[in-house]
Amino acid sequence: LGEASVTELAKPFDLSLPGISKHLKVLQRAGLITQSRNAQWRPCRLEGGRFKEASEWVGDYRRFWDESFQRLDEVLQELIKKEKETNDNKGSQNDAKD
């Protein structure tokens, strides 16, 4: 992946250098990047291991929510089915009275 300067990282974005630096500090505090010093040059480097950990963490929560929403969908479908059956039965009873 290599190293990149703050200026290089800022090029694709419509943000000021101080704005980019702020974002980089957040990433650095999270352990997602490291920044070294070579005279005036402060290159940034991605920490792949931390990104893997973050990706796994997000994946766990995604699976949890996918399963939760799937169960919710099943419950809702069952409720809709029961409501339809109840309405159909009421309609049949009303037809029998007429």
N, C-alpha and C. Protein backbone atom coordinates (compact mmCIF):
# COMPACT_ATOMS: atom_id res chain seq x y z
N LEU A 1 0.82 -1.19 0.00
CA LEU A 1 0.00 0.00 0.00
C LEU A 1 0.86 1.25 0.00
N GLY A 2 1.95 1.24 0.72
CA GLY A 2 2.87 2.36 0.70
C GLY A 2 2.46 3.51 1.59
N GLU A 3 3.16 4.60 1.39
CA GLU A 3 2.95 5.80 2.19
C GLU A 3 2.49 6.94 1.29
N ALA A 4 1.79 7.89 1.90
CA ALA A 4 1.34 9.07 1.16
C ALA A 4 1.37 10.26 2.09
N SER A 5 1.67 11.41 1.53
CA SER A 5 1.68 12.64 2.32
C SER A 5 0.25 13.15 2.48
N VAL A 6 0.07 14.06 3.41
CA VAL A 6 -1.24 14.68 3.62
C VAL A 6 -1.69 15.37 2.33
N THR A 7 -0.78 16.05 1.65
CA THR A 7 -1.11 16.73 0.39
C THR A 7 -1.60 15.73 -0.65
N GLU A 8 -0.91 14.59 -0.77
CA GLU A 8 -1.32 13.56 -1.73
C GLU A 8 -2.71 13.01 -1.38
N LEU A 9 -2.94 12.82 -0.11
CA LEU A 9 -4.23 12.29 0.33
C LEU A 9 -5.36 13.29 0.12
N ALA A 10 -5.04 14.58 0.19
CA ALA A 10 -6.06 15.62 0.06
C ALA A 10 -6.49 15.85 -1.39
N LYS A 11 -5.63 15.52 -2.36
CA LYS A 11 -5.91 15.83 -3.77
C LYS A 11 -7.30 15.42 -4.24
N PRO A 12 -7.76 14.20 -4.00
CA PRO A 12 -9.07 13.80 -4.56
C PRO A 12 -10.28 14.42 -3.85
N PHE A 13 -10.05 15.11 -2.74
CA PHE A 13 -11.17 15.61 -1.94
C PHE A 13 -11.27 17.13 -1.98
N ASP A 14 -12.47 17.61 -1.81
CA ASP A 14 -12.70 19.05 -1.78
C ASP A 14 -12.66 19.52 -0.32
N LEU A 15 -11.51 19.30 0.31
CA LEU A 15 -11.30 19.69 1.70
C LEU A 15 -9.97 20.42 1.81
N SER A 16 -9.89 21.29 2.79
CA SER A 16 -8.63 22.00 3.04
C SER A 16 -7.63 21.03 3.69
N LEU A 17 -6.36 21.40 3.65
CA LEU A 17 -5.34 20.57 4.32
C LEU A 17 -5.62 20.44 5.82
N PRO A 18 -6.02 21.53 6.51
CA PRO A 18 -6.36 21.36 7.92
C PRO A 18 -7.55 20.41 8.12
N GLY A 19 -8.50 20.45 7.20
CA GLY A 19 -9.64 19.53 7.28
C GLY A 19 -9.21 18.09 7.12
N ILE A 20 -8.35 17.84 6.14
CA ILE A 20 -7.82 16.48 5.92
C ILE A 20 -7.01 16.05 7.14
N SER A 21 -6.20 16.95 7.67
CA SER A 21 -5.39 16.63 8.85
C SER A 21 -6.26 16.21 10.03
N LYS A 22 -7.39 16.89 10.19
CA LYS A 22 -8.33 16.53 11.27
C LYS A 22 -8.82 15.10 11.11
N HIS A 23 -9.21 14.75 9.88
CA HIS A 23 -9.69 13.40 9.60
C HIS A 23 -8.58 12.38 9.84
N LEU A 24 -7.38 12.72 9.43
CA LEU A 24 -6.26 11.80 9.61
C LEU A 24 -5.96 11.58 11.09
N LYS A 25 -6.11 12.62 11.90
CA LYS A 25 -5.89 12.46 13.35
C LYS A 25 -6.90 11.50 13.95
N VAL A 26 -8.14 11.56 13.48
CA VAL A 26 -9.17 10.63 13.97
C VAL A 26 -8.79 9.20 13.58
N LEU A 27 -8.38 9.02 12.32
CA LEU A 27 -7.96 7.69 11.86
C LEU A 27 -6.74 7.19 12.63
N GLN A 28 -5.84 8.11 12.95
CA GLN A 28 -4.63 7.74 13.69
C GLN A 28 -5.00 7.32 15.12
N ARG A 29 -5.88 8.08 15.77
CA ARG A 29 -6.31 7.72 17.13
C ARG A 29 -7.01 6.36 17.15
N ALA A 30 -7.71 6.04 16.06
CA ALA A 30 -8.40 4.75 15.96
C ALA A 30 -7.43 3.62 15.62
N GLY A 31 -6.18 3.96 15.32
CA GLY A 31 -5.19 2.95 14.98
C GLY A 31 -5.29 2.45 13.55
N LEU A 32 -6.04 3.16 12.70
CA LEU A 32 -6.22 2.74 11.32
C LEU A 32 -5.10 3.21 10.41
N ILE A 33 -4.40 4.27 10.82
CA ILE A 33 -3.23 4.73 10.09
C ILE A 33 -2.13 5.07 11.09
N THR A 34 -0.91 5.08 10.60
CA THR A 34 0.22 5.59 11.39
C THR A 34 0.85 6.70 10.58
N GLN A 35 1.49 7.61 11.29
CA GLN A 35 2.15 8.72 10.63
C GLN A 35 3.56 8.80 11.19
N SER A 36 4.53 8.76 10.29
CA SER A 36 5.93 8.87 10.72
C SER A 36 6.44 10.26 10.34
N ARG A 37 7.67 10.51 10.70
CA ARG A 37 8.25 11.82 10.39
C ARG A 37 9.60 11.60 9.73
N ASN A 38 9.77 12.27 8.60
CA ASN A 38 11.03 12.23 7.88
C ASN A 38 11.33 13.68 7.49
N ALA A 39 12.05 14.36 8.36
CA ALA A 39 12.29 15.80 8.22
C ALA A 39 10.94 16.52 8.21
N GLN A 40 10.62 17.23 7.13
CA GLN A 40 9.34 17.94 7.04
C GLN A 40 8.21 17.07 6.50
N TRP A 41 8.56 15.92 6.00
CA TRP A 41 7.57 15.02 5.39
C TRP A 41 6.99 14.11 6.45
N ARG A 42 5.67 14.04 6.56
CA ARG A 42 5.00 13.19 7.55
C ARG A 42 4.11 12.19 6.81
N PRO A 43 4.69 11.15 6.28
CA PRO A 43 3.90 10.19 5.50
C PRO A 43 2.92 9.39 6.37
N CYS A 44 1.78 9.07 5.77
CA CYS A 44 0.75 8.26 6.42
C CYS A 44 0.77 6.87 5.81
N ARG A 45 0.48 5.89 6.63
CA ARG A 45 0.44 4.51 6.17
C ARG A 45 -0.78 3.82 6.78
N LEU A 46 -1.51 3.09 5.94
CA LEU A 46 -2.65 2.31 6.43
C LEU A 46 -2.16 1.15 7.28
N GLU A 47 -2.89 0.85 8.32
CA GLU A 47 -2.60 -0.30 9.17
C GLU A 47 -3.63 -1.39 8.83
N GLY A 48 -3.24 -2.26 7.91
CA GLY A 48 -4.15 -3.28 7.39
C GLY A 48 -4.78 -4.16 8.45
N GLY A 49 -4.02 -4.52 9.47
CA GLY A 49 -4.55 -5.38 10.53
C GLY A 49 -5.74 -4.76 11.23
N ARG A 50 -5.66 -3.47 11.49
CA ARG A 50 -6.76 -2.77 12.16
C ARG A 50 -7.99 -2.69 11.25
N PHE A 51 -7.76 -2.51 9.95
CA PHE A 51 -8.89 -2.48 9.03
C PHE A 51 -9.57 -3.84 8.98
N LYS A 52 -8.76 -4.90 9.06
CA LYS A 52 -9.33 -6.26 9.08
C LYS A 52 -10.19 -6.43 10.32
N GLU A 53 -9.70 -5.99 11.47
CA GLU A 53 -10.47 -6.08 12.71
C GLU A 53 -11.78 -5.30 12.59
N ALA A 54 -11.70 -4.09 12.05
CA ALA A 54 -12.89 -3.26 11.89
C ALA A 54 -13.89 -3.92 10.93
N SER A 55 -13.38 -4.48 9.86
CA SER A 55 -14.23 -5.15 8.89
C SER A 55 -14.93 -6.36 9.51
N GLU A 56 -14.21 -7.12 10.31
CA GLU A 56 -14.81 -8.28 10.98
C GLU A 56 -15.87 -7.83 11.97
N TRP A 57 -15.60 -6.75 12.70
CA TRP A 57 -16.56 -6.22 13.67
C TRP A 57 -17.84 -5.79 12.96
N VAL A 58 -17.68 -5.04 11.87
CA VAL A 58 -18.84 -4.60 11.09
C VAL A 58 -19.58 -5.82 10.53
N GLY A 59 -18.85 -6.81 10.06
CA GLY A 59 -19.46 -8.02 9.52
C GLY A 59 -20.30 -8.75 10.55
N ASP A 60 -19.80 -8.82 11.79
CA ASP A 60 -20.57 -9.46 12.87
C ASP A 60 -21.90 -8.75 13.08
N TYR A 61 -21.85 -7.43 13.13
CA TYR A 61 -23.08 -6.67 13.32
C TYR A 61 -23.99 -6.76 12.11
N ARG A 62 -23.43 -6.82 10.94
CA ARG A 62 -24.25 -6.96 9.74
C ARG A 62 -25.00 -8.29 9.77
N ARG A 63 -24.29 -9.37 10.12
CA ARG A 63 -24.95 -10.67 10.22
C ARG A 63 -26.06 -10.64 11.27
N PHE A 64 -25.77 -10.03 12.42
CA PHE A 64 -26.76 -9.92 13.48
C PHE A 64 -28.02 -9.22 12.98
N TRP A 65 -27.85 -8.06 12.33
CA TRP A 65 -29.00 -7.30 11.86
C TRP A 65 -29.71 -7.98 10.70
N ASP A 66 -28.95 -8.62 9.81
CA ASP A 66 -29.59 -9.37 8.72
C ASP A 66 -30.49 -10.46 9.28
N GLU A 67 -29.98 -11.22 10.27
CA GLU A 67 -30.77 -12.28 10.88
C GLU A 67 -31.98 -11.70 11.63
N SER A 68 -31.78 -10.60 12.33
CA SER A 68 -32.88 -9.98 13.07
C SER A 68 -33.97 -9.50 12.12
N PHE A 69 -33.58 -8.86 11.02
CA PHE A 69 -34.57 -8.38 10.06
C PHE A 69 -35.27 -9.54 9.36
N GLN A 70 -34.54 -10.63 9.13
CA GLN A 70 -35.15 -11.81 8.52
C GLN A 70 -36.23 -12.38 9.44
N ARG A 71 -35.91 -12.48 10.74
CA ARG A 71 -36.90 -12.97 11.71
C ARG A 71 -38.09 -12.02 11.79
N LEU A 72 -37.83 -10.73 11.78
CA LEU A 72 -38.91 -9.74 11.82
C LEU A 72 -39.80 -9.89 10.59
N ASP A 73 -39.19 -10.08 9.43
CA ASP A 73 -39.96 -10.26 8.21
C ASP A 73 -40.84 -11.50 8.31
N GLU A 74 -40.30 -12.59 8.87
CA GLU A 74 -41.09 -13.82 9.03
C GLU A 74 -42.27 -13.59 9.96
N VAL A 75 -42.05 -12.88 11.06
CA VAL A 75 -43.14 -12.58 12.00
C VAL A 75 -44.20 -11.72 11.32
N LEU A 76 -43.77 -10.70 10.60
CA LEU A 76 -44.72 -9.82 9.90
C LEU A 76 -45.53 -10.59 8.85
N GLN A 77 -44.87 -11.47 8.11
CA GLN A 77 -45.58 -12.26 7.11
C GLN A 77 -46.61 -13.16 7.77
N GLU A 78 -46.27 -13.74 8.91
CA GLU A 78 -47.21 -14.59 9.65
C GLU A 78 -48.40 -13.77 10.15
N LEU A 79 -48.13 -12.57 10.67
CA LEU A 79 -49.22 -11.70 11.12
C LEU A 79 -50.14 -11.31 9.97
N ILE A 80 -49.56 -10.99 8.83
CA ILE A 80 -50.36 -10.64 7.65
C ILE A 80 -51.23 -11.82 7.23
N LYS A 81 -50.64 -13.01 7.25
CA LYS A 81 -51.37 -14.22 6.88
C LYS A 81 -52.55 -14.45 7.83
N LYS A 82 -52.30 -14.32 9.15
CA LYS A 82 -53.37 -14.52 10.14
C LYS A 82 -54.46 -13.47 9.99
N GLU A 83 -54.06 -12.22 9.74
CA GLU A 83 -55.04 -11.16 9.56
C GLU A 83 -55.91 -11.42 8.34
N LYS A 84 -55.28 -11.88 7.27
CA LYS A 84 -56.02 -12.19 6.04
C LYS A 84 -56.99 -13.34 6.30
N GLU A 85 -56.54 -14.38 7.01
CA GLU A 85 -57.41 -15.51 7.33
C GLU A 85 -58.59 -15.05 8.20
N THR A 86 -58.32 -14.18 9.17
CA THR A 86 -59.37 -13.65 10.04
C THR A 86 -60.39 -12.87 9.22
N ASN A 87 -59.91 -12.03 8.33
CA ASN A 87 -60.81 -11.23 7.48
C ASN A 87 -61.60 -12.13 6.53
N ASP A 88 -60.96 -13.17 5.99
CA ASP A 88 -61.65 -14.11 5.11
C ASP A 88 -62.75 -14.84 5.86
N ASN A 89 -62.46 -15.25 7.10
CA ASN A 89 -63.46 -15.94 7.92
C ASN A 89 -64.63 -15.03 8.25
N LYS A 90 -64.35 -13.78 8.57
CA LYS A 90 -65.42 -12.82 8.86
C LYS A 90 -66.29 -12.61 7.62
N GLY A 91 -65.66 -12.54 6.47
CA GLY A 91 -66.40 -12.38 5.22
C GLY A 91 -67.28 -13.58 4.95
N SER A 92 -66.80 -14.78 5.21
CA SER A 92 -67.58 -16.00 5.01
C SER A 92 -68.76 -16.04 5.96
N GLN A 93 -68.55 -15.62 7.21
CA GLN A 93 -69.63 -15.62 8.20
C GLN A 93 -70.70 -14.61 7.81
N ASN A 94 -70.30 -13.45 7.33
CA ASN A 94 -71.26 -12.43 6.90
C ASN A 94 -72.05 -12.90 5.68
N ASP A 95 -71.39 -13.61 4.77
CA ASP A 95 -72.07 -14.15 3.59
C ASP A 95 -73.11 -15.18 3.99
N ALA A 96 -72.80 -15.98 5.02
CA ALA A 96 -73.72 -17.02 5.48
C ALA A 96 -74.95 -16.41 6.11
N LYS A 97 -74.82 -15.25 6.76
CA LYS A 97 -75.96 -14.58 7.40
C LYS A 97 -76.90 -13.98 6.37
N ASP A 98 -76.37 -13.60 5.22
CA ASP A 98 -77.19 -12.92 4.20
C ASP A 98 -78.05 -13.89 3.51
